[in-house]
PDB file of N, CA and C in Angstrom:
ATOM      1  N   UNK A   1     -15.938   8.762  -6.047  1.00  0.00           N
ATOM      2  CA  UNK A   1     -14.966   7.694  -6.186  1.00  0.00           C
ATOM      3  C   UNK A   1     -13.885   8.129  -7.162  1.00  0.00           C
ATOM      4  N   UNK A   2     -12.642   7.953  -6.740  1.00  0.00           N
ATOM      5  CA  UNK A   2     -11.493   8.313  -7.565  1.00  0.00           C
ATOM      6  C   UNK A   2     -10.675   7.075  -7.885  1.00  0.00           C
ATOM      7  N   UNK A   3      -9.899   7.135  -8.942  1.00  0.00           N
ATOM      8  CA  UNK A   3      -8.932   6.093  -9.252  1.00  0.00           C
ATOM      9  C   UNK A   3      -7.548   6.634  -8.929  1.00  0.00           C
ATOM     10  N   UNK A   4      -6.801   5.869  -8.141  1.00  0.00           N
ATOM     11  CA  UNK A   4      -5.480   6.273  -7.687  1.00  0.00           C
ATOM     12  C   UNK A   4      -4.467   5.302  -8.274  1.00  0.00           C
ATOM     13  N   UNK A   5      -3.587   5.799  -9.107  1.00  0.00           N
ATOM     14  CA  UNK A   5      -2.595   4.957  -9.778  1.00  0.00           C
ATOM     15  C   UNK A   5      -1.296   4.941  -8.986  1.00  0.00           C
ATOM     16  N   UNK A   6      -0.773   3.728  -8.733  1.00  0.00           N
ATOM     17  CA  UNK A   6       0.474   3.581  -7.986  1.00  0.00           C
ATOM     18  C   UNK A   6       1.320   2.456  -8.581  1.00  0.00           C
ATOM     19  N   UNK A   7       2.639   2.628  -8.477  1.00  0.00           N
ATOM     20  CA  UNK A   7       3.584   1.577  -8.852  1.00  0.00           C
ATOM     21  C   UNK A   7       3.585   0.507  -7.776  1.00  0.00           C
ATOM     22  N   UNK A   8       3.874  -0.725  -8.183  1.00  0.00           N
ATOM     23  CA  UNK A   8       4.124  -1.770  -7.205  1.00  0.00           C
ATOM     24  C   UNK A   8       5.165  -2.730  -7.765  1.00  0.00           C
ATOM     25  N   UNK A   9       6.057  -3.193  -6.903  1.00  0.00           N
ATOM     26  CA  UNK A   9       7.141  -4.066  -7.309  1.00  0.00           C
ATOM     27  C   UNK A   9       6.609  -5.466  -7.607  1.00  0.00           C
ATOM     28  N   UNK A  10       7.281  -6.243  -8.456  1.00  0.00           N
ATOM     29  CA  UNK A  10       6.783  -7.552  -8.895  1.00  0.00           C
ATOM     30  C   UNK A  10       6.410  -8.509  -7.770  1.00  0.00           C
ATOM     31  N   UNK A  11       7.245  -8.624  -6.735  1.00  0.00           N
ATOM     32  CA  UNK A  11       6.941  -9.590  -5.676  1.00  0.00           C
ATOM     33  C   UNK A  11       5.671  -9.210  -4.918  1.00  0.00           C
ATOM     34  N   UNK A  12       5.419  -7.918  -4.745  1.00  0.00           N
ATOM     35  CA  UNK A  12       4.200  -7.481  -4.065  1.00  0.00           C
ATOM     36  C   UNK A  12       2.998  -7.552  -5.000  1.00  0.00           C
ATOM     37  N   UNK A  13       3.204  -7.245  -6.267  1.00  0.00           N
ATOM     38  CA  UNK A  13       2.136  -7.357  -7.260  1.00  0.00           C
ATOM     39  C   UNK A  13       1.591  -8.789  -7.285  1.00  0.00           C
ATOM     40  N   UNK A  14       2.493  -9.770  -7.316  1.00  0.00           N
ATOM     41  CA  UNK A  14       2.089 -11.179  -7.361  1.00  0.00           C
ATOM     42  C   UNK A  14       1.270 -11.569  -6.140  1.00  0.00           C
ATOM     43  N   UNK A  15       1.657 -11.056  -4.976  1.00  0.00           N
ATOM     44  CA  UNK A  15       0.928 -11.384  -3.747  1.00  0.00           C
ATOM     45  C   UNK A  15      -0.465 -10.773  -3.732  1.00  0.00           C
ATOM     46  N   UNK A  16      -0.615  -9.577  -4.284  1.00  0.00           N
ATOM     47  CA  UNK A  16      -1.949  -8.985  -4.404  1.00  0.00           C
ATOM     48  C   UNK A  16      -2.763  -9.779  -5.417  1.00  0.00           C
ATOM     49  N   UNK A  17      -2.139 -10.117  -6.522  1.00  0.00           N
ATOM     50  CA  UNK A  17      -2.824 -10.833  -7.597  1.00  0.00           C
ATOM     51  C   UNK A  17      -3.359 -12.187  -7.134  1.00  0.00           C
ATOM     52  N   UNK A  18      -2.568 -12.919  -6.332  1.00  0.00           N
ATOM     53  CA  UNK A  18      -3.020 -14.247  -5.906  1.00  0.00           C
ATOM     54  C   UNK A  18      -3.832 -14.217  -4.608  1.00  0.00           C
ATOM     55  N   UNK A  19      -4.089 -13.020  -4.073  1.00  0.00           N
ATOM     56  CA  UNK A  19      -4.945 -12.894  -2.890  1.00  0.00           C
ATOM     57  C   UNK A  19      -4.228 -13.021  -1.568  1.00  0.00           C
ATOM     58  N   UNK A  20      -2.918 -13.224  -1.597  1.00  0.00           N
ATOM     59  CA  UNK A  20      -2.147 -13.371  -0.360  1.00  0.00           C
ATOM     60  C   UNK A  20      -2.005 -12.038   0.383  1.00  0.00           C
ATOM     61  N   UNK A  21      -1.929 -10.925  -0.356  1.00  0.00           N
ATOM     62  CA  UNK A  21      -1.759  -9.593   0.227  1.00  0.00           C
ATOM     63  C   UNK A  21      -3.018  -8.776  -0.037  1.00  0.00           C
ATOM     64  N   UNK A  22      -3.663  -8.310   1.038  1.00  0.00           N
ATOM     65  CA  UNK A  22      -4.906  -7.551   0.892  1.00  0.00           C
ATOM     66  C   UNK A  22      -4.820  -6.195   1.590  1.00  0.00           C
ATOM     67  N   UNK A  23      -3.654  -5.560   1.485  1.00  0.00           N
ATOM     68  CA  UNK A  23      -3.435  -4.246   2.076  1.00  0.00           C
ATOM     69  C   UNK A  23      -2.331  -3.552   1.289  1.00  0.00           C
ATOM     70  N   UNK A  24      -2.166  -2.269   1.526  1.00  0.00           N
ATOM     71  CA  UNK A  24      -1.068  -1.526   0.923  1.00  0.00           C
ATOM     72  C   UNK A  24      -0.646  -0.446   1.903  1.00  0.00           C
ATOM     73  N   UNK A  25       0.643  -0.162   1.958  1.00  0.00           N
ATOM     74  CA  UNK A  25       1.182   0.860   2.843  1.00  0.00           C
ATOM     75  C   UNK A  25       1.881   1.893   1.973  1.00  0.00           C
ATOM     76  N   UNK A  26       1.504   3.142   2.129  1.00  0.00           N
ATOM     77  CA  UNK A  26       2.064   4.234   1.323  1.00  0.00           C
ATOM     78  C   UNK A  26       2.263   5.454   2.206  1.00  0.00           C
ATOM     79  N   UNK A  27       3.149   6.340   1.761  1.00  0.00           N
ATOM     80  CA  UNK A  27       3.219   7.639   2.402  1.00  0.00           C
ATOM     81  C   UNK A  27       1.912   8.375   2.139  1.00  0.00           C
ATOM     82  N   UNK A  28       1.492   9.159   3.081  1.00  0.00           N
ATOM     83  CA  UNK A  28       0.246   9.911   2.941  1.00  0.00           C
ATOM     84  C   UNK A  28       0.510  11.172   2.110  1.00  0.00           C
ATOM     85  N   UNK A  29       0.732  10.964   0.808  1.00  0.00           N
ATOM     86  CA  UNK A  29       1.036  12.074  -0.086  1.00  0.00           C
ATOM     87  C   UNK A  29      -0.020  12.252  -1.171  1.00  0.00           C
ATOM     88  N   UNK A  30      -1.175  11.627  -0.969  1.00  0.00           N
ATOM     89  CA  UNK A  30      -2.274  11.741  -1.922  1.00  0.00           C
ATOM     90  C   UNK A  30      -3.581  11.528  -1.174  1.00  0.00           C
ATOM     91  N   UNK A  31      -4.691  11.978  -1.774  1.00  0.00           N
ATOM     92  CA  UNK A  31      -6.003  11.780  -1.153  1.00  0.00           C
ATOM     93  C   UNK A  31      -6.503  10.375  -1.468  1.00  0.00           C
ATOM     94  N   UNK A  32      -7.086   9.753  -0.477  1.00  0.00           N
ATOM     95  CA  UNK A  32      -7.644   8.414  -0.649  1.00  0.00           C
ATOM     96  C   UNK A  32      -8.733   8.208   0.391  1.00  0.00           C
ATOM     97  N   UNK A  33      -9.845   7.601  -0.027  1.00  0.00           N
ATOM     98  CA  UNK A  33     -10.914   7.311   0.926  1.00  0.00           C
ATOM     99  C   UNK A  33     -11.591   6.003   0.535  1.00  0.00           C
ATOM    100  N   UNK A  34     -12.374   5.480   1.448  1.00  0.00           N
ATOM    101  CA  UNK A  34     -13.111   4.256   1.209  1.00  0.00           C
ATOM    102  C   UNK A  34     -13.944   4.418  -0.063  1.00  0.00           C
ATOM    103  N   UNK A  35     -13.905   3.389  -0.908  1.00  0.00           N
ATOM    104  CA  UNK A  35     -14.652   3.415  -2.155  1.00  0.00           C
ATOM    105  C   UNK A  35     -13.812   3.793  -3.367  1.00  0.00           C
ATOM    106  N   UNK A  36     -12.644   4.428  -3.132  1.00  0.00           N
ATOM    107  CA  UNK A  36     -11.757   4.747  -4.244  1.00  0.00           C
ATOM    108  C   UNK A  36     -11.200   3.454  -4.853  1.00  0.00           C
ATOM    109  N   UNK A  37     -10.672   3.563  -6.056  1.00  0.00           N
ATOM    110  CA  UNK A  37     -10.075   2.422  -6.737  1.00  0.00           C
ATOM    111  C   UNK A  37      -8.558   2.605  -6.760  1.00  0.00           C
ATOM    112  N   UNK A  38      -7.848   1.597  -6.261  1.00  0.00           N
ATOM    113  CA  UNK A  38      -6.391   1.594  -6.306  1.00  0.00           C
ATOM    114  C   UNK A  38      -5.984   0.840  -7.571  1.00  0.00           C
ATOM    115  N   UNK A  39      -5.347   1.549  -8.478  1.00  0.00           N
ATOM    116  CA  UNK A  39      -4.907   1.000  -9.760  1.00  0.00           C
ATOM    117  C   UNK A  39      -3.411   0.740  -9.653  1.00  0.00           C
ATOM    118  N   UNK A  40      -3.049  -0.537  -9.483  1.00  0.00           N
ATOM    119  CA  UNK A  40      -1.656  -0.915  -9.289  1.00  0.00           C
ATOM    120  C   UNK A  40      -1.030  -1.289 -10.623  1.00  0.00           C
ATOM    121  N   UNK A  41       0.101  -0.674 -10.912  1.00  0.00           N
ATOM    122  CA  UNK A  41       0.861  -0.978 -12.126  1.00  0.00           C
ATOM    123  C   UNK A  41       2.178  -1.621 -11.699  1.00  0.00           C
ATOM    124  N   UNK A  42       2.430  -2.817 -12.198  1.00  0.00           N
ATOM    125  CA  UNK A  42       3.659  -3.520 -11.834  1.00  0.00           C
ATOM    126  C   UNK A  42       4.871  -2.800 -12.439  1.00  0.00           C
ATOM    127  N   UNK A  43       5.843  -2.508 -11.581  1.00  0.00           N
ATOM    128  CA  UNK A  43       7.057  -1.786 -11.955  1.00  0.00           C
ATOM    129  C   UNK A  43       8.258  -2.663 -11.661  1.00  0.00           C
ATOM    130  N   UNK A  44       9.108  -2.851 -12.640  1.00  0.00           N
ATOM    131  CA  UNK A  44      10.318  -3.648 -12.452  1.00  0.00           C
ATOM    132  C   UNK A  44      11.477  -2.715 -12.117  1.00  0.00           C
ATOM    133  N   UNK A  45      11.963  -2.744 -10.866  1.00  0.00           N
ATOM    134  CA  UNK A  45      13.040  -1.831 -10.478  1.00  0.00           C
ATOM    135  C   UNK A  45      14.365  -2.138 -11.180  1.00  0.00           C
ATOM    136  N   UNK A  46      14.530  -3.358 -11.686  1.00  0.00           N
ATOM    137  CA  UNK A  46      15.770  -3.710 -12.388  1.00  0.00           C
ATOM    138  C   UNK A  46      15.829  -3.031 -13.758  1.00  0.00           C
ATOM    139  N   UNK A  47      14.717  -3.084 -14.487  1.00  0.00           N
ATOM    140  CA  UNK A  47      14.685  -2.482 -15.827  1.00  0.00           C
ATOM    141  C   UNK A  47      14.218  -1.032 -15.790  1.00  0.00           C
ATOM    142  N   UNK A  48      13.658  -0.637 -14.648  1.00  0.00           N
ATOM    143  CA  UNK A  48      13.091   0.711 -14.462  1.00  0.00           C
ATOM    144  C   UNK A  48      11.995   0.999 -15.496  1.00  0.00           C
ATOM    145  N   UNK A  49      11.153  -0.018 -15.695  1.00  0.00           N
ATOM    146  CA  UNK A  49      10.027   0.098 -16.626  1.00  0.00           C
ATOM    147  C   UNK A  49       8.817  -0.616 -16.055  1.00  0.00           C
ATOM    148  N   UNK A  50       7.645  -0.202 -16.527  1.00  0.00           N
ATOM    149  CA  UNK A  50       6.422  -0.931 -16.201  1.00  0.00           C
ATOM    150  C   UNK A  50       6.401  -2.224 -16.997  1.00  0.00           C
ATOM    151  N   UNK A  51       5.840  -3.274 -16.394  1.00  0.00           N
ATOM    152  CA  UNK A  51       5.780  -4.574 -17.071  1.00  0.00           C
ATOM    153  C   UNK A  51       4.564  -4.696 -17.979  1.00  0.00           C
ATOM    154  N   UNK A  52       3.569  -3.843 -17.767  1.00  0.00           N
ATOM    155  CA  UNK A  52       2.320  -3.916 -18.530  1.00  0.00           C
ATOM    156  C   UNK A  52       1.203  -4.597 -17.758  1.00  0.00           C
ATOM    157  N   UNK A  53       1.551  -5.247 -16.628  1.00  0.00           N
ATOM    158  CA  UNK A  53       0.513  -5.903 -15.820  1.00  0.00           C
ATOM    159  C   UNK A  53      -0.093  -4.898 -14.845  1.00  0.00           C
ATOM    160  N   UNK A  54      -1.410  -4.960 -14.689  1.00  0.00           N
ATOM    161  CA  UNK A  54      -2.121  -4.032 -13.806  1.00  0.00           C
ATOM    162  C   UNK A  54      -3.187  -4.766 -13.014  1.00  0.00           C
ATOM    163  N   UNK A  55      -3.573  -4.171 -11.908  1.00  0.00           N
ATOM    164  CA  UNK A  55      -4.669  -4.668 -11.067  1.00  0.00           C
ATOM    165  C   UNK A  55      -5.469  -3.476 -10.575  1.00  0.00           C
ATOM    166  N   UNK A  56      -6.760  -3.678 -10.385  1.00  0.00           N
ATOM    167  CA  UNK A  56      -7.609  -2.668  -9.754  1.00  0.00           C
ATOM    168  C   UNK A  56      -8.226  -3.272  -8.509  1.00  0.00           C
ATOM    169  N   UNK A  57      -8.142  -2.532  -7.403  1.00  0.00           N
ATOM    170  CA  UNK A  57      -8.692  -2.975  -6.126  1.00  0.00           C
ATOM    171  C   UNK A  57      -9.493  -1.835  -5.502  1.00  0.00           C
ATOM    172  N   UNK A  58     -10.651  -2.163  -4.964  1.00  0.00           N
ATOM    173  CA  UNK A  58     -11.488  -1.172  -4.294  1.00  0.00           C
ATOM    174  C   UNK A  58     -10.975  -0.970  -2.867  1.00  0.00           C
ATOM    175  N   UNK A  59     -10.801   0.280  -2.478  1.00  0.00           N
ATOM    176  CA  UNK A  59     -10.326   0.619  -1.135  1.00  0.00           C
ATOM    177  C   UNK A  59     -11.471   0.390  -0.146  1.00  0.00           C
ATOM    178  N   UNK A  60     -11.222  -0.427   0.863  1.00  0.00           N
ATOM    179  CA  UNK A  60     -12.228  -0.758   1.866  1.00  0.00           C
ATOM    180  C   UNK A  60     -12.014  -0.011   3.185  1.00  0.00           C
ATOM    181  N   UNK A  61     -10.779   0.350   3.488  1.00  0.00           N
ATOM    182  CA  UNK A  61     -10.483   1.011   4.757  1.00  0.00           C
ATOM    183  C   UNK A  61      -9.227   1.851   4.588  1.00  0.00           C
ATOM    184  N   UNK A  62      -9.197   3.020   5.195  1.00  0.00           N
ATOM    185  CA  UNK A  62      -8.035   3.904   5.136  1.00  0.00           C
ATOM    186  C   UNK A  62      -7.704   4.353   6.552  1.00  0.00           C
ATOM    187  N   UNK A  63      -6.473   4.156   6.959  1.00  0.00           N
ATOM    188  CA  UNK A  63      -5.973   4.661   8.239  1.00  0.00           C
ATOM    189  C   UNK A  63      -4.919   5.705   7.929  1.00  0.00           C
ATOM    190  N   UNK A  64      -5.149   6.914   8.397  1.00  0.00           N
ATOM    191  CA  UNK A  64      -4.180   8.000   8.210  1.00  0.00           C
ATOM    192  C   UNK A  64      -3.762   8.493   9.578  1.00  0.00           C
ATOM    193  N   UNK A  65      -2.463   8.626   9.770  1.00  0.00           N
ATOM    194  CA  UNK A  65      -1.966   9.193  11.016  1.00  0.00           C
ATOM    195  C   UNK A  65      -0.555   9.710  10.806  1.00  0.00           C
ATOM    196  N   UNK A  66      -0.191  10.700  11.555  1.00  0.00           N
ATOM    197  CA  UNK A  66       1.203  11.116  11.584  1.00  0.00           C
ATOM    198  C   UNK A  66       1.692  11.157  13.026  1.00  0.00           C
ATOM    199  N   UNK A  67       0.807  10.855  13.952  1.00  0.00           N
ATOM    200  CA  UNK A  67       1.147  10.909  15.368  1.00  0.00           C
ATOM    201  C   UNK A  67       1.306   9.501  15.929  1.00  0.00           C
ATOM    202  N   UNK A  68       2.274   8.767  15.406  1.00  0.00           N
ATOM    203  CA  UNK A  68       2.479   7.405  15.889  1.00  0.00           C
ATOM    204  C   UNK A  68       3.047   7.368  17.300  1.00  0.00           C
ATOM    205  N   UNK A  69       3.677   8.459  17.703  1.00  0.00           N
ATOM    206  CA  UNK A  69       4.210   8.512  19.062  1.00  0.00           C
ATOM    207  C   UNK A  69       3.100   8.606  20.104  1.00  0.00           C
ATOM    208  N   UNK A  70       1.876   8.774  19.650  1.00  0.00           N
ATOM    209  CA  UNK A  70       0.715   8.708  20.533  1.00  0.00           C
ATOM    210  C   UNK A  70       0.548   7.273  21.051  1.00  0.00           C
ATOM    211  N   UNK A  71       0.978   6.318  20.221  1.00  0.00           N
ATOM    212  CA  UNK A  71       0.830   4.897  20.549  1.00  0.00           C
ATOM    213  C   UNK A  71       2.128   4.267  21.069  1.00  0.00           C
ATOM    214  N   UNK A  72       3.268   4.688  20.495  1.00  0.00           N
ATOM    215  CA  UNK A  72       4.564   4.107  20.850  1.00  0.00           C
ATOM    216  C   UNK A  72       5.599   5.216  20.971  1.00  0.00           C
ATOM    217  N   UNK A  73       6.656   4.955  21.704  1.00  0.00           N
ATOM    218  CA  UNK A  73       7.734   5.939  21.814  1.00  0.00           C
ATOM    219  C   UNK A  73       8.543   5.966  20.517  1.00  0.00           C
ATOM    220  N   UNK A  74       9.191   7.097  20.269  1.00  0.00           N
ATOM    221  CA  UNK A  74      10.018   7.232  19.060  1.00  0.00           C
ATOM    222  C   UNK A  74      11.128   6.178  19.050  1.00  0.00           C
ATOM    223  N   UNK A  75      11.712   5.898  20.220  1.00  0.00           N
ATOM    224  CA  UNK A  75      12.767   4.882  20.303  1.00  0.00           C
ATOM    225  C   UNK A  75      12.247   3.502  19.919  1.00  0.00           C
ATOM    226  N   UNK A  76      11.052   3.158  20.377  1.00  0.00           N
ATOM    227  CA  UNK A  76      10.475   1.862  20.011  1.00  0.00           C
ATOM    228  C   UNK A  76      10.166   1.794  18.517  1.00  0.00           C
ATOM    229  N   UNK A  77       9.684   2.896  17.950  1.00  0.00           N
ATOM    230  CA  UNK A  77       9.397   2.928  16.516  1.00  0.00           C
ATOM    231  C   UNK A  77      10.684   2.698  15.723  1.00  0.00           C
ATOM    232  N   UNK A  78      11.764   3.395  16.102  1.00  0.00           N
ATOM    233  CA  UNK A  78      13.039   3.248  15.399  1.00  0.00           C
ATOM    234  C   UNK A  78      13.600   1.841  15.597  1.00  0.00           C
ATOM    235  N   UNK A  79      13.518   1.332  16.802  1.00  0.00           N
ATOM    236  CA  UNK A  79      14.090   0.026  17.125  1.00  0.00           C
ATOM    237  C   UNK A  79      13.319  -1.130  16.479  1.00  0.00           C
ATOM    238  N   UNK A  80      11.999  -1.066  16.491  1.00  0.00           N
ATOM    239  CA  UNK A  80      11.186  -2.211  16.091  1.00  0.00           C
ATOM    240  C   UNK A  80      10.461  -2.052  14.769  1.00  0.00           C
ATOM    241  N   UNK A  81      10.245  -0.828  14.308  1.00  0.00           N
ATOM    242  CA  UNK A  81       9.485  -0.629  13.072  1.00  0.00           C
ATOM    243  C   UNK A  81       8.019  -0.942  13.289  1.00  0.00           C
ATOM    244  N   UNK A  82       7.344  -1.320  12.209  1.00  0.00           N
ATOM    245  CA  UNK A  82       5.910  -1.564  12.272  1.00  0.00           C
ATOM    246  C   UNK A  82       5.557  -2.924  11.713  1.00  0.00           C
ATOM    247  N   UNK A  83       4.432  -3.410  12.116  1.00  0.00           N
ATOM    248  CA  UNK A  83       3.803  -4.564  11.502  1.00  0.00           C
ATOM    249  C   UNK A  83       2.397  -4.103  11.132  1.00  0.00           C
ATOM    250  N   UNK A  84       2.006  -4.365   9.912  1.00  0.00           N
ATOM    251  CA  UNK A  84       0.678  -3.966   9.451  1.00  0.00           C
ATOM    252  C   UNK A  84      -0.111  -5.234   9.196  1.00  0.00           C
ATOM    253  N   UNK A  85      -1.284  -5.328   9.737  1.00  0.00           N
ATOM    254  CA  UNK A  85      -2.088  -6.529   9.583  1.00  0.00           C
ATOM    255  C   UNK A  85      -3.407  -6.200   8.919  1.00  0.00           C
ATOM    256  N   UNK A  86      -3.827  -7.076   8.061  1.00  0.00           N
ATOM    257  CA  UNK A  86      -5.134  -6.963   7.436  1.00  0.00           C
ATOM    258  C   UNK A  86      -5.926  -8.195   7.835  1.00  0.00           C
ATOM    259  N   UNK A  87      -7.211  -8.033   8.021  1.00  0.00           N
ATOM    260  CA  UNK A  87      -8.015  -9.187   8.416  1.00  0.00           C
ATOM    261  C   UNK A  87      -9.419  -9.034   7.899  1.00  0.00           C
ATOM    262  N   UNK A  88     -10.132 -10.145   7.832  1.00  0.00           N
ATOM    263  CA  UNK A  88     -11.514 -10.150   7.362  1.00  0.00           C
ATOM    264  C   UNK A  88     -12.427 -10.610   8.469  1.00  0.00           C
TER     265      UNK A  88
END
């Protein structure tokens, strides 16, 4: 089990904190697996500083892919973007 530290903007931090948001989307530029701890540090983009508020969340599921065109065409990806859903 590893701890992975990441910045998060205030509006998203609040949604994780109050339980409204139970997922995170990041570029696949670090190792992460089920059981790791995501350590979120609230970052204020206006002041360009950390606020001092933090959260720790246990990673329950990880989806990694770079072949999205396996599922959708490149034109559809560019035109429509993505929707990410979390569920229990």
